[in-house]
């Protein structure tokens, strides 16, 4: 098997992006709160699927996806954590699917993330 994990941080392919890690907690009243921590990661980001623009009198929204290849474990939906947010090129994406390949080569993961930005009209 070929180890391609070096390419994830190769300057010819890699970009720096920000991961917003969101730990959630529930108080005695059942209310959820989030503690957010931002950190920079070097990895590869590729275009994913593109859906049409949804237009409404009050907002415009699209569901563009990206695929993120990262040497840092990204978090999807878990019981104690909300999914990570990826901040890239002025947009915010929420991680919706994780592919864990940390057992291969130097270890890395891939994540499908969906844009969550809404533009008010």
PDB file of N, CA and C in Angstrom:
ATOM      1  N   UNK A   1       0.843  -1.177   0.000  1.00  0.00           N
ATOM      2  CA  UNK A   1       0.000   0.000   0.000  1.00  0.00           C
ATOM      3  C   UNK A   1       0.892   1.246   0.000  1.00  0.00           C
ATOM      4  N   UNK A   2       0.486   2.237  -0.730  1.00  0.00           N
ATOM      5  CA  UNK A   2       1.238   3.483  -0.827  1.00  0.00           C
ATOM      6  C   UNK A   2       0.806   4.424   0.297  1.00  0.00           C
ATOM      7  N   UNK A   3       1.791   5.007   0.988  1.00  0.00           N
ATOM      8  CA  UNK A   3       1.510   5.971   2.064  1.00  0.00           C
ATOM      9  C   UNK A   3       1.491   7.374   1.461  1.00  0.00           C
ATOM     10  N   UNK A   4       0.306   7.961   1.364  1.00  0.00           N
ATOM     11  CA  UNK A   4       0.168   9.306   0.791  1.00  0.00           C
ATOM     12  C   UNK A   4      -0.030  10.370   1.869  1.00  0.00           C
ATOM     13  N   UNK A   5       0.195  10.010   3.121  1.00  0.00           N
ATOM     14  CA  UNK A   5      -0.072  10.959   4.209  1.00  0.00           C
ATOM     15  C   UNK A   5       0.829  12.187   4.150  1.00  0.00           C
ATOM     16  N   UNK A   6       2.012  12.088   3.523  1.00  0.00           N
ATOM     17  CA  UNK A   6       2.887  13.262   3.397  1.00  0.00           C
ATOM     18  C   UNK A   6       2.246  14.348   2.541  1.00  0.00           C
ATOM     19  N   UNK A   7       1.415  13.961   1.591  1.00  0.00           N
ATOM     20  CA  UNK A   7       0.802  14.930   0.690  1.00  0.00           C
ATOM     21  C   UNK A   7      -0.187  15.852   1.398  1.00  0.00           C
ATOM     22  N   UNK A   8      -0.731  15.389   2.516  1.00  0.00           N
ATOM     23  CA  UNK A   8      -1.728  16.191   3.226  1.00  0.00           C
ATOM     24  C   UNK A   8      -1.137  17.504   3.731  1.00  0.00           C
ATOM     25  N   UNK A   9       0.149  17.480   4.073  1.00  0.00           N
ATOM     26  CA  UNK A   9       0.791  18.706   4.571  1.00  0.00           C
ATOM     27  C   UNK A   9       1.794  19.283   3.571  1.00  0.00           C
ATOM     28  N   UNK A  10       1.856  18.745   2.360  1.00  0.00           N
ATOM     29  CA  UNK A  10       2.738  19.249   1.322  1.00  0.00           C
ATOM     30  C   UNK A  10       2.259  20.634   0.883  1.00  0.00           C
ATOM     31  N   UNK A  11       3.134  21.639   0.850  1.00  0.00           N
ATOM     32  CA  UNK A  11       2.711  23.000   0.478  1.00  0.00           C
ATOM     33  C   UNK A  11       2.082  23.110  -0.911  1.00  0.00           C
ATOM     34  N   UNK A  12       2.387  22.156  -1.798  1.00  0.00           N
ATOM     35  CA  UNK A  12       1.771  22.182  -3.129  1.00  0.00           C
ATOM     36  C   UNK A  12       0.280  21.852  -3.083  1.00  0.00           C
ATOM     37  N   UNK A  13      -0.152  21.145  -2.051  1.00  0.00           N
ATOM     38  CA  UNK A  13      -1.537  20.700  -1.959  1.00  0.00           C
ATOM     39  C   UNK A  13      -2.274  21.246  -0.739  1.00  0.00           C
ATOM     40  N   UNK A  14      -1.545  21.565   0.309  1.00  0.00           N
ATOM     41  CA  UNK A  14      -2.157  21.869   1.605  1.00  0.00           C
ATOM     42  C   UNK A  14      -2.526  23.340   1.753  1.00  0.00           C
ATOM     43  N   UNK A  15      -3.501  23.568   2.593  1.00  0.00           N
ATOM     44  CA  UNK A  15      -3.953  24.913   2.976  1.00  0.00           C
ATOM     45  C   UNK A  15      -4.095  24.943   4.494  1.00  0.00           C
ATOM     46  N   UNK A  16      -3.997  26.127   5.047  1.00  0.00           N
ATOM     47  CA  UNK A  16      -4.273  26.294   6.470  1.00  0.00           C
ATOM     48  C   UNK A  16      -5.736  26.685   6.631  1.00  0.00           C
ATOM     49  N   UNK A  17      -6.412  26.009   7.527  1.00  0.00           N
ATOM     50  CA  UNK A  17      -7.803  26.327   7.834  1.00  0.00           C
ATOM     51  C   UNK A  17      -7.978  26.265   9.345  1.00  0.00           C
ATOM     52  N   UNK A  18      -9.075  26.794   9.824  1.00  0.00           N
ATOM     53  CA  UNK A  18      -9.344  26.837  11.262  1.00  0.00           C
ATOM     54  C   UNK A  18     -10.420  25.821  11.615  1.00  0.00           C
ATOM     55  N   UNK A  19     -10.163  25.079  12.687  1.00  0.00           N
ATOM     56  CA  UNK A  19     -11.154  24.158  13.236  1.00  0.00           C
ATOM     57  C   UNK A  19     -11.713  24.786  14.499  1.00  0.00           C
ATOM     58  N   UNK A  20     -13.023  24.852  14.589  1.00  0.00           N
ATOM     59  CA  UNK A  20     -13.691  25.320  15.798  1.00  0.00           C
ATOM     60  C   UNK A  20     -14.251  24.081  16.501  1.00  0.00           C
ATOM     61  N   UNK A  21     -13.581  23.679  17.580  1.00  0.00           N
ATOM     62  CA  UNK A  21     -13.996  22.509  18.359  1.00  0.00           C
ATOM     63  C   UNK A  21     -15.037  22.963  19.380  1.00  0.00           C
ATOM     64  N   UNK A  22     -16.180  22.294  19.394  1.00  0.00           N
ATOM     65  CA  UNK A  22     -17.299  22.719  20.241  1.00  0.00           C
ATOM     66  C   UNK A  22     -17.674  21.592  21.196  1.00  0.00           C
ATOM     67  N   UNK A  23     -17.332  21.764  22.462  1.00  0.00           N
ATOM     68  CA  UNK A  23     -17.694  20.795  23.494  1.00  0.00           C
ATOM     69  C   UNK A  23     -19.018  21.238  24.090  1.00  0.00           C
ATOM     70  N   UNK A  24     -19.965  20.321  24.125  1.00  0.00           N
ATOM     71  CA  UNK A  24     -21.267  20.699  24.671  1.00  0.00           C
ATOM     72  C   UNK A  24     -21.478  20.085  26.047  1.00  0.00           C
ATOM     73  N   UNK A  25     -22.234  20.792  26.860  1.00  0.00           N
ATOM     74  CA  UNK A  25     -22.591  20.297  28.181  1.00  0.00           C
ATOM     75  C   UNK A  25     -24.065  20.605  28.435  1.00  0.00           C
ATOM     76  N   UNK A  26     -24.654  19.813  29.282  1.00  0.00           N
ATOM     77  CA  UNK A  26     -26.066  19.961  29.604  1.00  0.00           C
ATOM     78  C   UNK A  26     -26.176  20.248  31.094  1.00  0.00           C
ATOM     79  N   UNK A  27     -26.896  21.321  31.442  1.00  0.00           N
ATOM     80  CA  UNK A  27     -27.046  21.653  32.860  1.00  0.00           C
ATOM     81  C   UNK A  27     -28.207  20.867  33.474  1.00  0.00           C
ATOM     82  N   UNK A  28     -28.496  21.121  34.740  1.00  0.00           N
ATOM     83  CA  UNK A  28     -29.543  20.390  35.460  1.00  0.00           C
ATOM     84  C   UNK A  28     -30.940  20.625  34.898  1.00  0.00           C
ATOM     85  N   UNK A  29     -31.108  21.681  34.106  1.00  0.00           N
ATOM     86  CA  UNK A  29     -32.410  21.997  33.514  1.00  0.00           C
ATOM     87  C   UNK A  29     -32.545  21.463  32.087  1.00  0.00           C
ATOM     88  N   UNK A  30     -31.529  20.732  31.609  1.00  0.00           N
ATOM     89  CA  UNK A  30     -31.564  20.170  30.271  1.00  0.00           C
ATOM     90  C   UNK A  30     -31.160  21.144  29.176  1.00  0.00           C
ATOM     91  N   UNK A  31     -30.606  22.289  29.565  1.00  0.00           N
ATOM     92  CA  UNK A  31     -30.175  23.281  28.585  1.00  0.00           C
ATOM     93  C   UNK A  31     -28.750  22.967  28.128  1.00  0.00           C
ATOM     94  N   UNK A  32     -28.533  23.054  26.817  1.00  0.00           N
ATOM     95  CA  UNK A  32     -27.228  22.746  26.237  1.00  0.00           C
ATOM     96  C   UNK A  32     -26.439  24.040  26.049  1.00  0.00           C
ATOM     97  N   UNK A  33     -25.166  24.009  26.437  1.00  0.00           N
ATOM     98  CA  UNK A  33     -24.278  25.135  26.174  1.00  0.00           C
ATOM     99  C   UNK A  33     -23.025  24.594  25.489  1.00  0.00           C
ATOM    100  N   UNK A  34     -22.367  25.458  24.719  1.00  0.00           N
ATOM    101  CA  UNK A  34     -21.163  25.063  23.991  1.00  0.00           C
ATOM    102  C   UNK A  34     -19.964  25.882  24.452  1.00  0.00           C
ATOM    103  N   UNK A  35     -18.830  25.222  24.580  1.00  0.00           N
ATOM    104  CA  UNK A  35     -17.556  25.876  24.801  1.00  0.00           C
ATOM    105  C   UNK A  35     -16.758  25.691  23.527  1.00  0.00           C
ATOM    106  N   UNK A  36     -16.333  26.792  22.915  1.00  0.00           N
ATOM    107  CA  UNK A  36     -15.654  26.731  21.623  1.00  0.00           C
ATOM    108  C   UNK A  36     -14.175  27.038  21.753  1.00  0.00           C
ATOM    109  N   UNK A  37     -13.360  26.268  21.015  1.00  0.00           N
ATOM    110  CA  UNK A  37     -11.924  26.482  20.951  1.00  0.00           C
ATOM    111  C   UNK A  37     -11.514  26.449  19.486  1.00  0.00           C
ATOM    112  N   UNK A  38     -10.816  27.483  19.017  1.00  0.00           N
ATOM    113  CA  UNK A  38     -10.334  27.541  17.637  1.00  0.00           C
ATOM    114  C   UNK A  38      -8.862  27.171  17.583  1.00  0.00           C
ATOM    115  N   UNK A  39      -8.473  26.404  16.554  1.00  0.00           N
ATOM    116  CA  UNK A  39      -7.066  26.120  16.303  1.00  0.00           C
ATOM    117  C   UNK A  39      -6.853  25.913  14.805  1.00  0.00           C
ATOM    118  N   UNK A  40      -5.648  26.253  14.352  1.00  0.00           N
ATOM    119  CA  UNK A  40      -5.317  26.139  12.928  1.00  0.00           C
ATOM    120  C   UNK A  40      -4.772  24.752  12.619  1.00  0.00           C
ATOM    121  N   UNK A  41      -5.123  24.258  11.428  1.00  0.00           N
ATOM    122  CA  UNK A  41      -4.692  22.949  10.947  1.00  0.00           C
ATOM    123  C   UNK A  41      -4.216  23.118   9.514  1.00  0.00           C
ATOM    124  N   UNK A  42      -3.177  22.392   9.133  1.00  0.00           N
ATOM    125  CA  UNK A  42      -2.727  22.340   7.749  1.00  0.00           C
ATOM    126  C   UNK A  42      -3.203  21.018   7.169  1.00  0.00           C
ATOM    127  N   UNK A  43      -3.954  21.098   6.091  1.00  0.00           N
ATOM    128  CA  UNK A  43      -4.486  19.907   5.440  1.00  0.00           C
ATOM    129  C   UNK A  43      -4.962  20.253   4.048  1.00  0.00           C
ATOM    130  N   UNK A  44      -5.580  19.291   3.379  1.00  0.00           N
ATOM    131  CA  UNK A  44      -6.091  19.491   2.020  1.00  0.00           C
ATOM    132  C   UNK A  44      -7.596  19.683   2.064  1.00  0.00           C
ATOM    133  N   UNK A  45      -8.073  20.643   1.292  1.00  0.00           N
ATOM    134  CA  UNK A  45      -9.505  20.879   1.170  1.00  0.00           C
ATOM    135  C   UNK A  45      -9.859  20.795  -0.306  1.00  0.00           C
ATOM    136  N   UNK A  46     -10.833  19.960  -0.607  1.00  0.00           N
ATOM    137  CA  UNK A  46     -11.287  19.761  -1.976  1.00  0.00           C
ATOM    138  C   UNK A  46     -12.763  20.129  -2.075  1.00  0.00           C
ATOM    139  N   UNK A  47     -13.170  20.571  -3.243  1.00  0.00           N
ATOM    140  CA  UNK A  47     -14.589  20.877  -3.468  1.00  0.00           C
ATOM    141  C   UNK A  47     -15.402  19.594  -3.359  1.00  0.00           C
ATOM    142  N   UNK A  48     -16.588  19.736  -2.815  1.00  0.00           N
ATOM    143  CA  UNK A  48     -17.510  18.612  -2.734  1.00  0.00           C
ATOM    144  C   UNK A  48     -18.681  18.863  -3.662  1.00  0.00           C
ATOM    145  N   UNK A  49     -19.837  18.393  -3.262  1.00  0.00           N
ATOM    146  CA  UNK A  49     -21.023  18.587  -4.102  1.00  0.00           C
ATOM    147  C   UNK A  49     -21.533  20.016  -3.965  1.00  0.00           C
ATOM    148  N   UNK A  50     -22.201  20.475  -4.987  1.00  0.00           N
ATOM    149  CA  UNK A  50     -22.772  21.819  -4.996  1.00  0.00           C
ATOM    150  C   UNK A  50     -24.267  21.677  -5.257  1.00  0.00           C
ATOM    151  N   UNK A  51     -25.068  22.303  -4.412  1.00  0.00           N
ATOM    152  CA  UNK A  51     -26.507  22.276  -4.614  1.00  0.00           C
ATOM    153  C   UNK A  51     -26.970  23.668  -5.040  1.00  0.00           C
ATOM    154  N   UNK A  52     -28.135  23.746  -5.613  1.00  0.00           N
ATOM    155  CA  UNK A  52     -28.614  25.053  -6.081  1.00  0.00           C
ATOM    156  C   UNK A  52     -28.873  26.022  -4.918  1.00  0.00           C
ATOM    157  N   UNK A  53     -28.891  27.290  -5.245  1.00  0.00           N
ATOM    158  CA  UNK A  53     -29.163  28.344  -4.272  1.00  0.00           C
ATOM    159  C   UNK A  53     -30.640  28.331  -3.918  1.00  0.00           C
ATOM    160  N   UNK A  54     -30.936  28.324  -2.623  1.00  0.00           N
ATOM    161  CA  UNK A  54     -32.311  28.423  -2.143  1.00  0.00           C
ATOM    162  C   UNK A  54     -32.596  29.892  -1.883  1.00  0.00           C
ATOM    163  N   UNK A  55     -33.618  30.434  -2.534  1.00  0.00           N
ATOM    164  CA  UNK A  55     -33.943  31.852  -2.361  1.00  0.00           C
ATOM    165  C   UNK A  55     -35.307  31.974  -1.708  1.00  0.00           C
ATOM    166  N   UNK A  56     -35.351  32.818  -0.713  1.00  0.00           N
ATOM    167  CA  UNK A  56     -36.560  33.086   0.048  1.00  0.00           C
ATOM    168  C   UNK A  56     -36.607  34.598   0.236  1.00  0.00           C
ATOM    169  N   UNK A  57     -37.770  35.173   0.466  1.00  0.00           N
ATOM    170  CA  UNK A  57     -37.804  36.630   0.679  1.00  0.00           C
ATOM    171  C   UNK A  57     -36.911  37.102   1.835  1.00  0.00           C
ATOM    172  N   UNK A  58     -36.682  36.224   2.839  1.00  0.00           N
ATOM    173  CA  UNK A  58     -35.918  36.623   4.016  1.00  0.00           C
ATOM    174  C   UNK A  58     -34.458  36.200   3.994  1.00  0.00           C
ATOM    175  N   UNK A  59     -34.097  35.228   3.156  1.00  0.00           N
ATOM    176  CA  UNK A  59     -32.718  34.735   3.161  1.00  0.00           C
ATOM    177  C   UNK A  59     -32.392  34.015   1.860  1.00  0.00           C
ATOM    178  N   UNK A  60     -31.099  33.819   1.636  1.00  0.00           N
ATOM    179  CA  UNK A  60     -30.596  32.990   0.553  1.00  0.00           C
ATOM    180  C   UNK A  60     -29.636  31.986   1.171  1.00  0.00           C
ATOM    181  N   UNK A  61     -29.693  30.722   0.721  1.00  0.00           N
ATOM    182  CA  UNK A  61     -28.875  29.691   1.333  1.00  0.00           C
ATOM    183  C   UNK A  61     -28.460  28.673   0.277  1.00  0.00           C
ATOM    184  N   UNK A  62     -27.248  28.145   0.434  1.00  0.00           N
ATOM    185  CA  UNK A  62     -26.775  27.058  -0.415  1.00  0.00           C
ATOM    186  C   UNK A  62     -26.198  25.968   0.479  1.00  0.00           C
ATOM    187  N   UNK A  63     -26.108  24.768  -0.044  1.00  0.00           N
ATOM    188  CA  UNK A  63     -25.623  23.628   0.741  1.00  0.00           C
ATOM    189  C   UNK A  63     -24.340  23.073   0.147  1.00  0.00           C
ATOM    190  N   UNK A  64     -23.384  23.936  -0.134  1.00  0.00           N
ATOM    191  CA  UNK A  64     -22.124  23.486  -0.700  1.00  0.00           C
ATOM    192  C   UNK A  64     -21.369  22.631   0.307  1.00  0.00           C
ATOM    193  N   UNK A  65     -20.708  21.586  -0.195  1.00  0.00           N
ATOM    194  CA  UNK A  65     -19.902  20.696   0.635  1.00  0.00           C
ATOM    195  C   UNK A  65     -18.432  20.847   0.276  1.00  0.00           C
ATOM    196  N   UNK A  66     -17.574  20.542   1.244  1.00  0.00           N
ATOM    197  CA  UNK A  66     -16.147  20.400   0.997  1.00  0.00           C
ATOM    198  C   UNK A  66     -15.716  19.068   1.604  1.00  0.00           C
ATOM    199  N   UNK A  67     -14.619  18.539   1.091  1.00  0.00           N
ATOM    200  CA  UNK A  67     -13.982  17.370   1.685  1.00  0.00           C
ATOM    201  C   UNK A  67     -12.660  17.836   2.262  1.00  0.00           C
ATOM    202  N   UNK A  68     -12.448  17.538   3.542  1.00  0.00           N
ATOM    203  CA  UNK A  68     -11.257  17.990   4.263  1.00  0.00           C
ATOM    204  C   UNK A  68     -10.413  16.768   4.609  1.00  0.00           C
ATOM    205  N   UNK A  69      -9.139  16.792   4.219  1.00  0.00           N
ATOM    206  CA  UNK A  69      -8.185  15.741   4.571  1.00  0.00           C
ATOM    207  C   UNK A  69      -7.237  16.334   5.599  1.00  0.00           C
ATOM    208  N   UNK A  70      -7.199  15.730   6.789  1.00  0.00           N
ATOM    209  CA  UNK A  70      -6.509  16.351   7.909  1.00  0.00           C
ATOM    210  C   UNK A  70      -5.665  15.346   8.682  1.00  0.00           C
ATOM    211  N   UNK A  71      -4.457  15.754   9.123  1.00  0.00           N
ATOM    212  CA  UNK A  71      -3.680  14.900  10.015  1.00  0.00           C
ATOM    213  C   UNK A  71      -4.186  14.979  11.462  1.00  0.00           C
ATOM    214  N   UNK A  72      -5.125  15.866  11.717  1.00  0.00           N
ATOM    215  CA  UNK A  72      -5.734  16.034  13.042  1.00  0.00           C
ATOM    216  C   UNK A  72      -7.116  15.401  13.002  1.00  0.00           C
ATOM    217  N   UNK A  73      -7.455  14.653  14.030  1.00  0.00           N
ATOM    218  CA  UNK A  73      -8.768  14.020  14.086  1.00  0.00           C
ATOM    219  C   UNK A  73      -9.852  15.083  14.171  1.00  0.00           C
ATOM    220  N   UNK A  74     -10.767  15.066  13.228  1.00  0.00           N
ATOM    221  CA  UNK A  74     -11.920  15.958  13.262  1.00  0.00           C
ATOM    222  C   UNK A  74     -13.073  15.213  13.897  1.00  0.00           C
ATOM    223  N   UNK A  75     -14.019  15.957  14.443  1.00  0.00           N
ATOM    224  CA  UNK A  75     -15.117  15.347  15.192  1.00  0.00           C
ATOM    225  C   UNK A  75     -16.430  15.595  14.479  1.00  0.00           C
ATOM    226  N   UNK A  76     -17.159  14.521  14.247  1.00  0.00           N
ATOM    227  CA  UNK A  76     -18.528  14.612  13.770  1.00  0.00           C
ATOM    228  C   UNK A  76     -19.439  14.642  14.985  1.00  0.00           C
ATOM    229  N   UNK A  77     -20.671  14.296  14.814  1.00  0.00           N
ATOM    230  CA  UNK A  77     -21.626  14.311  15.922  1.00  0.00           C
ATOM    231  C   UNK A  77     -21.304  13.191  16.904  1.00  0.00           C
ATOM    232  N   UNK A  78     -21.060  13.561  18.165  1.00  0.00           N
ATOM    233  CA  UNK A  78     -20.810  12.622  19.251  1.00  0.00           C
ATOM    234  C   UNK A  78     -21.646  13.055  20.440  1.00  0.00           C
ATOM    235  N   UNK A  79     -21.758  12.175  21.422  1.00  0.00           N
ATOM    236  CA  UNK A  79     -22.601  12.482  22.564  1.00  0.00           C
ATOM    237  C   UNK A  79     -22.094  13.667  23.380  1.00  0.00           C
ATOM    238  N   UNK A  80     -20.766  13.784  23.568  1.00  0.00           N
ATOM    239  CA  UNK A  80     -20.240  14.857  24.417  1.00  0.00           C
ATOM    240  C   UNK A  80     -19.762  16.072  23.618  1.00  0.00           C
ATOM    241  N   UNK A  81     -19.740  15.965  22.308  1.00  0.00           N
ATOM    242  CA  UNK A  81     -19.265  17.077  21.482  1.00  0.00           C
ATOM    243  C   UNK A  81     -20.268  17.377  20.386  1.00  0.00           C
ATOM    244  N   UNK A  82     -20.373  18.634  20.060  1.00  0.00           N
ATOM    245  CA  UNK A  82     -21.083  19.026  18.851  1.00  0.00           C
ATOM    246  C   UNK A  82     -20.087  18.835  17.706  1.00  0.00           C
ATOM    247  N   UNK A  83     -20.553  18.720  16.476  1.00  0.00           N
ATOM    248  CA  UNK A  83     -19.606  18.544  15.363  1.00  0.00           C
ATOM    249  C   UNK A  83     -18.686  19.753  15.226  1.00  0.00           C
ATOM    250  N   UNK A  84     -17.454  19.491  14.790  1.00  0.00           N
ATOM    251  CA  UNK A  84     -16.504  20.576  14.532  1.00  0.00           C
ATOM    252  C   UNK A  84     -17.034  21.481  13.431  1.00  0.00           C
ATOM    253  N   UNK A  85     -16.632  22.736  13.496  1.00  0.00           N
ATOM    254  CA  UNK A  85     -16.858  23.678  12.412  1.00  0.00           C
ATOM    255  C   UNK A  85     -15.516  23.909  11.730  1.00  0.00           C
ATOM    256  N   UNK A  86     -15.527  23.984  10.408  1.00  0.00           N
ATOM    257  CA  UNK A  86     -14.345  24.295   9.619  1.00  0.00           C
ATOM    258  C   UNK A  86     -14.533  25.712   9.082  1.00  0.00           C
ATOM    259  N   UNK A  87     -13.592  26.603   9.387  1.00  0.00           N
ATOM    260  CA  UNK A  87     -13.638  27.979   8.881  1.00  0.00           C
ATOM    261  C   UNK A  87     -12.619  28.076   7.762  1.00  0.00           C
ATOM    262  N   UNK A  88     -13.109  28.342   6.539  1.00  0.00           N
ATOM    263  CA  UNK A  88     -12.234  28.343   5.372  1.00  0.00           C
ATOM    264  C   UNK A  88     -12.754  29.327   4.340  1.00  0.00           C
ATOM    265  N   UNK A  89     -11.892  30.250   3.919  1.00  0.00           N
ATOM    266  CA  UNK A  89     -12.206  31.261   2.909  1.00  0.00           C
ATOM    267  C   UNK A  89     -13.471  32.053   3.232  1.00  0.00           C
ATOM    268  N   UNK A  90     -13.625  32.423   4.486  1.00  0.00           N
ATOM    269  CA  UNK A  90     -14.745  33.261   4.891  1.00  0.00           C
ATOM    270  C   UNK A  90     -16.061  32.524   5.077  1.00  0.00           C
ATOM    271  N   UNK A  91     -16.058  31.210   4.912  1.00  0.00           N
ATOM    272  CA  UNK A  91     -17.274  30.422   5.098  1.00  0.00           C
ATOM    273  C   UNK A  91     -17.117  29.484   6.283  1.00  0.00           C
ATOM    274  N   UNK A  92     -18.242  29.074   6.857  1.00  0.00           N
ATOM    275  CA  UNK A  92     -18.252  28.128   7.957  1.00  0.00           C
ATOM    276  C   UNK A  92     -18.938  26.854   7.494  1.00  0.00           C
ATOM    277  N   UNK A  93     -18.290  25.727   7.759  1.00  0.00           N
ATOM    278  CA  UNK A  93     -18.795  24.418   7.371  1.00  0.00           C
ATOM    279  C   UNK A  93     -18.924  23.562   8.621  1.00  0.00           C
ATOM    280  N   UNK A  94     -19.952  22.732   8.694  1.00  0.00           N
ATOM    281  CA  UNK A  94     -20.129  21.819   9.816  1.00  0.00           C
ATOM    282  C   UNK A  94     -19.791  20.413   9.335  1.00  0.00           C
ATOM    283  N   UNK A  95     -18.991  19.695  10.138  1.00  0.00           N
ATOM    284  CA  UNK A  95     -18.589  18.328   9.790  1.00  0.00           C
ATOM    285  C   UNK A  95     -19.793  17.417   9.934  1.00  0.00           C
ATOM    286  N   UNK A  96     -20.108  16.696   8.847  1.00  0.00           N
ATOM    287  CA  UNK A  96     -21.270  15.807   8.900  1.00  0.00           C
ATOM    288  C   UNK A  96     -20.925  14.339   8.712  1.00  0.00           C
ATOM    289  N   UNK A  97     -19.726  14.026   8.221  1.00  0.00           N
ATOM    290  CA  UNK A  97     -19.318  12.630   8.027  1.00  0.00           C
ATOM    291  C   UNK A  97     -17.813  12.544   8.169  1.00  0.00           C
ATOM    292  N   UNK A  98     -17.333  11.527   8.918  1.00  0.00           N
ATOM    293  CA  UNK A  98     -15.908  11.324   9.158  1.00  0.00           C
ATOM    294  C   UNK A  98     -15.484   9.977   8.571  1.00  0.00           C
ATOM    295  N   UNK A  99     -14.328   9.984   7.906  1.00  0.00           N
ATOM    296  CA  UNK A  99     -13.674   8.756   7.467  1.00  0.00           C
ATOM    297  C   UNK A  99     -12.350   8.693   8.213  1.00  0.00           C
ATOM    298  N   UNK A 100     -12.206   7.724   9.115  1.00  0.00           N
ATOM    299  CA  UNK A 100     -11.046   7.610   9.996  1.00  0.00           C
ATOM    300  C   UNK A 100     -10.016   6.666   9.366  1.00  0.00           C
ATOM    301  N   UNK A 101      -8.871   7.247   8.950  1.00  0.00           N
ATOM    302  CA  UNK A 101      -7.791   6.446   8.394  1.00  0.00           C
ATOM    303  C   UNK A 101      -6.519   6.614   9.229  1.00  0.00           C
ATOM    304  N   UNK A 102      -6.663   6.688  10.553  1.00  0.00           N
ATOM    305  CA  UNK A 102      -5.511   6.877  11.418  1.00  0.00           C
ATOM    306  C   UNK A 102      -4.676   5.613  11.575  1.00  0.00           C
ATOM    307  N   UNK A 103      -5.178   4.465  11.125  1.00  0.00           N
ATOM    308  CA  UNK A 103      -4.408   3.231  11.207  1.00  0.00           C
ATOM    309  C   UNK A 103      -3.477   3.038  10.012  1.00  0.00           C
ATOM    310  N   UNK A 104      -3.517   3.959   9.045  1.00  0.00           N
ATOM    311  CA  UNK A 104      -2.717   3.808   7.829  1.00  0.00           C
ATOM    312  C   UNK A 104      -1.664   4.909   7.747  1.00  0.00           C
ATOM    313  N   UNK A 105      -0.427   4.532   7.416  1.00  0.00           N
ATOM    314  CA  UNK A 105       0.641   5.514   7.271  1.00  0.00           C
ATOM    315  C   UNK A 105       0.844   6.310   8.539  1.00  0.00           C
ATOM    316  N   UNK A 106       1.001   7.621   8.393  1.00  0.00           N
ATOM    317  CA  UNK A 106       1.173   8.504   9.552  1.00  0.00           C
ATOM    318  C   UNK A 106      -0.151   8.849  10.201  1.00  0.00           C
ATOM    319  N   UNK A 107      -1.240   8.404   9.611  1.00  0.00           N
ATOM    320  CA  UNK A 107      -2.558   8.644  10.183  1.00  0.00           C
ATOM    321  C   UNK A 107      -3.175   9.947   9.749  1.00  0.00           C
ATOM    322  N   UNK A 108      -4.429   9.890   9.311  1.00  0.00           N
ATOM    323  CA  UNK A 108      -5.162  11.076   8.901  1.00  0.00           C
ATOM    324  C   UNK A 108      -6.636  10.727   8.804  1.00  0.00           C
ATOM    325  N   UNK A 109      -7.449  11.737   8.643  1.00  0.00           N
ATOM    326  CA  UNK A 109      -8.878  11.508   8.476  1.00  0.00           C
ATOM    327  C   UNK A 109      -9.391  12.373   7.339  1.00  0.00           C
ATOM    328  N   UNK A 110     -10.514  11.975   6.822  1.00  0.00           N
ATOM    329  CA  UNK A 110     -11.221  12.768   5.822  1.00  0.00           C
ATOM    330  C   UNK A 110     -12.576  13.099   6.412  1.00  0.00           C
ATOM    331  N   UNK A 111     -13.082  14.267   6.095  1.00  0.00           N
ATOM    332  CA  UNK A 111     -14.387  14.688   6.605  1.00  0.00           C
ATOM    333  C   UNK A 111     -15.156  15.383   5.499  1.00  0.00           C
ATOM    334  N   UNK A 112     -16.440  15.092   5.432  1.00  0.00           N
ATOM    335  CA  UNK A 112     -17.344  15.821   4.559  1.00  0.00           C
ATOM    336  C   UNK A 112     -17.988  16.887   5.426  1.00  0.00           C
ATOM    337  N   UNK A 113     -17.921  18.135   4.981  1.00  0.00           N
ATOM    338  CA  UNK A 113     -18.474  19.249   5.762  1.00  0.00           C
ATOM    339  C   UNK A 113     -19.395  20.075   4.873  1.00  0.00           C
ATOM    340  N   UNK A 114     -20.500  20.525   5.455  1.00  0.00           N
ATOM    341  CA  UNK A 114     -21.504  21.278   4.712  1.00  0.00           C
ATOM    342  C   UNK A 114     -21.503  22.730   5.150  1.00  0.00           C
ATOM    343  N   UNK A 115     -21.570  23.655   4.162  1.00  0.00           N
ATOM    344  CA  UNK A 115     -21.588  25.076   4.487  1.00  0.00           C
ATOM    345  C   UNK A 115     -22.868  25.427   5.241  1.00  0.00           C
ATOM    346  N   UNK A 116     -22.727  26.248   6.285  1.00  0.00           N
ATOM    347  CA  UNK A 116     -23.889  26.612   7.087  1.00  0.00           C
ATOM    348  C   UNK A 116     -24.168  28.109   7.054  1.00  0.00           C
ATOM    349  N   UNK A 117     -23.474  28.850   6.214  1.00  0.00           N
ATOM    350  CA  UNK A 117     -23.698  30.291   6.138  1.00  0.00           C
ATOM    351  C   UNK A 117     -25.071  30.590   5.534  1.00  0.00           C
ATOM    352  N   UNK A 118     -25.740  31.550   6.085  1.00  0.00           N
ATOM    353  CA  UNK A 118     -27.005  32.049   5.579  1.00  0.00           C
ATOM    354  C   UNK A 118     -26.831  33.534   5.323  1.00  0.00           C
ATOM    355  N   UNK A 119     -27.226  33.986   4.145  1.00  0.00           N
ATOM    356  CA  UNK A 119     -27.115  35.395   3.793  1.00  0.00           C
ATOM    357  C   UNK A 119     -28.498  36.015   3.880  1.00  0.00           C
ATOM    358  N   UNK A 120     -28.666  37.003   4.756  1.00  0.00           N
ATOM    359  CA  UNK A 120     -29.948  37.685   4.877  1.00  0.00           C
ATOM    360  C   UNK A 120     -30.138  38.635   3.709  1.00  0.00           C
ATOM    361  N   UNK A 121     -31.334  38.640   3.169  1.00  0.00           N
ATOM    362  CA  UNK A 121     -31.625  39.518   2.030  1.00  0.00           C
ATOM    363  C   UNK A 121     -31.866  40.936   2.491  1.00  0.00           C
TER     364      UNK A 121
END
